[in-house]
Amino acid sequence: MRALSYHATRDVRIESVPDPVIQEADNVILRVTANAICGSDLHLYHGKIPATEQGDIFGHEFMGVGGRNRF
């Protein structure tokens, strides 16, 4: 899948990352149809959250569809 991946302060890139997998019985995988960053992602982008690590994925504001079938 494609994701916005953190590399360093003010260095984020759209790149291919592994597809998510079901790990627990109550997990779901959604097909994302729209995604955006929000204010908290901007704090990460500007380096204000020291715990942000290379490879972290931004964009927890999303819309999608799900179901019993995998996409």
C-alpha atoms as a PDB file:
ATOM      1  CA  MET A   1       0.000   0.000   0.000  1.00  0.00           C
ATOM      2  CA  ARG A   2       1.035   3.647  -0.301  1.00  0.00           C
ATOM      3  CA  ALA A   3       1.560   5.783   2.801  1.00  0.00           C
ATOM      4  CA  LEU A   4       3.010   9.104   3.946  1.00  0.00           C
ATOM      5  CA  SER A   5       6.164   7.987   5.743  1.00  0.00           C
ATOM      6  CA  TYR A   6       8.323  10.100   8.098  1.00  0.00           C
ATOM      7  CA  HIS A   7      12.070  10.230   7.434  1.00  0.00           C
ATOM      8  CA  ALA A   8      13.233  13.323   9.348  1.00  0.00           C
ATOM      9  CA  THR A   9      12.005  16.757  10.375  1.00  0.00           C
ATOM     10  CA  ARG A  10      10.258  18.262   7.328  1.00  0.00           C
ATOM     11  CA  ASP A  11      11.051  15.138   5.281  1.00  0.00           C
ATOM     12  CA  VAL A  12       7.989  12.983   4.599  1.00  0.00           C
ATOM     13  CA  ARG A  13       7.481  10.856   1.489  1.00  0.00           C
ATOM     14  CA  ILE A  14       4.718   8.907  -0.191  1.00  0.00           C
ATOM     15  CA  GLU A  15       6.082   5.384  -0.553  1.00  0.00           C
ATOM     16  CA  SER A  16       5.137   1.740  -0.630  1.00  0.00           C
ATOM     17  CA  VAL A  17       4.868   0.045   2.764  1.00  0.00           C
ATOM     18  CA  PRO A  18       3.736  -3.478   3.721  1.00  0.00           C
ATOM     19  CA  ASP A  19      -0.008  -4.146   3.664  1.00  0.00           C
ATOM     20  CA  PRO A  20      -1.604  -4.335   7.113  1.00  0.00           C
ATOM     21  CA  VAL A  21      -2.486  -7.741   8.566  1.00  0.00           C
ATOM     22  CA  ILE A  22      -5.114  -8.897  11.036  1.00  0.00           C
ATOM     23  CA  GLN A  23      -3.344  -9.537  14.361  1.00  0.00           C
ATOM     24  CA  GLU A  24      -6.246  -9.821  16.804  1.00  0.00           C
ATOM     25  CA  ALA A  25      -9.806 -11.155  16.494  1.00  0.00           C
ATOM     26  CA  ASP A  26     -11.290  -7.654  16.807  1.00  0.00           C
ATOM     27  CA  ASN A  27      -9.012  -6.003  14.182  1.00  0.00           C
ATOM     28  CA  VAL A  28     -10.377  -4.723  10.881  1.00  0.00           C
ATOM     29  CA  ILE A  29      -8.755  -3.618   7.645  1.00  0.00           C
ATOM     30  CA  LEU A  30     -10.432  -0.750   5.813  1.00  0.00           C
ATOM     31  CA  ARG A  31      -9.993   0.284   2.218  1.00  0.00           C
ATOM     32  CA  VAL A  32      -9.078   3.966   2.571  1.00  0.00           C
ATOM     33  CA  THR A  33     -10.824   6.209   0.053  1.00  0.00           C
ATOM     34  CA  ALA A  34      -9.540   9.591   1.325  1.00  0.00           C
ATOM     35  CA  ASN A  35      -6.806  10.611   3.752  1.00  0.00           C
ATOM     36  CA  ALA A  36      -5.361  13.813   5.200  1.00  0.00           C
ATOM     37  CA  ILE A  37      -2.911  14.963   7.807  1.00  0.00           C
ATOM     38  CA  CYS A  38      -4.145  17.003  10.757  1.00  0.00           C
ATOM     39  CA  GLY A  39      -2.691  19.471  13.255  1.00  0.00           C
ATOM     40  CA  SER A  40      -1.046  16.791  15.360  1.00  0.00           C
ATOM     41  CA  ASP A  41       0.700  15.442  12.237  1.00  0.00           C
ATOM     42  CA  LEU A  42       2.075  18.942  11.620  1.00  0.00           C
ATOM     43  CA  HIS A  43       3.708  18.869  15.072  1.00  0.00           C
ATOM     44  CA  LEU A  44       5.392  15.608  14.042  1.00  0.00           C
ATOM     45  CA  TYR A  45       6.415  17.060  10.657  1.00  0.00           C
ATOM     46  CA  HIS A  46       8.033  20.088  12.313  1.00  0.00           C
ATOM     47  CA  GLY A  47      10.016  17.886  14.734  1.00  0.00           C
ATOM     48  CA  LYS A  48       8.175  18.956  17.879  1.00  0.00           C
ATOM     49  CA  ILE A  49       7.532  15.362  19.013  1.00  0.00           C
ATOM     50  CA  PRO A  50      10.944  13.746  19.689  1.00  0.00           C
ATOM     51  CA  ALA A  51       9.487  10.212  19.814  1.00  0.00           C
ATOM     52  CA  THR A  52       8.709  10.330  16.061  1.00  0.00           C
ATOM     53  CA  GLU A  53      10.859   7.721  14.331  1.00  0.00           C
ATOM     54  CA  GLN A  54      11.888   7.123  10.750  1.00  0.00           C
ATOM     55  CA  GLY A  55       9.215   4.991   9.069  1.00  0.00           C
ATOM     56  CA  ASP A  56       6.305   6.253  11.190  1.00  0.00           C
ATOM     57  CA  ILE A  57       3.218   6.724   9.024  1.00  0.00           C
ATOM     58  CA  PHE A  58       1.241   9.971   9.113  1.00  0.00           C
ATOM     59  CA  GLY A  59      -2.407  10.519   8.280  1.00  0.00           C
ATOM     60  CA  HIS A  60      -4.799   9.166  10.892  1.00  0.00           C
ATOM     61  CA  GLU A  61      -7.644  11.320   9.524  1.00  0.00           C
ATOM     62  CA  PHE A  62      -9.231   9.093   6.905  1.00  0.00           C
ATOM     63  CA  MET A  63     -12.427   7.796   5.368  1.00  0.00           C
ATOM     64  CA  GLY A  64     -12.851   4.302   4.074  1.00  0.00           C
ATOM     65  CA  VAL A  65     -15.048   1.298   3.589  1.00  0.00           C
ATOM     66  CA  GLY A  66     -14.914  -2.064   5.234  1.00  0.00           C
ATOM     67  CA  GLY A  67     -16.726  -5.332   5.322  1.00  0.00           C
ATOM     68  CA  ARG A  68     -16.283  -8.978   6.017  1.00  0.00           C
ATOM     69  CA  ASN A  69     -14.241  -9.485   2.863  1.00  0.00           C
ATOM     70  CA  ARG A  70     -10.634  -8.454   2.454  1.00  0.00           C
ATOM     71  CA  PHE A  71      -9.877  -5.914  -0.250  1.00  0.00           C
END
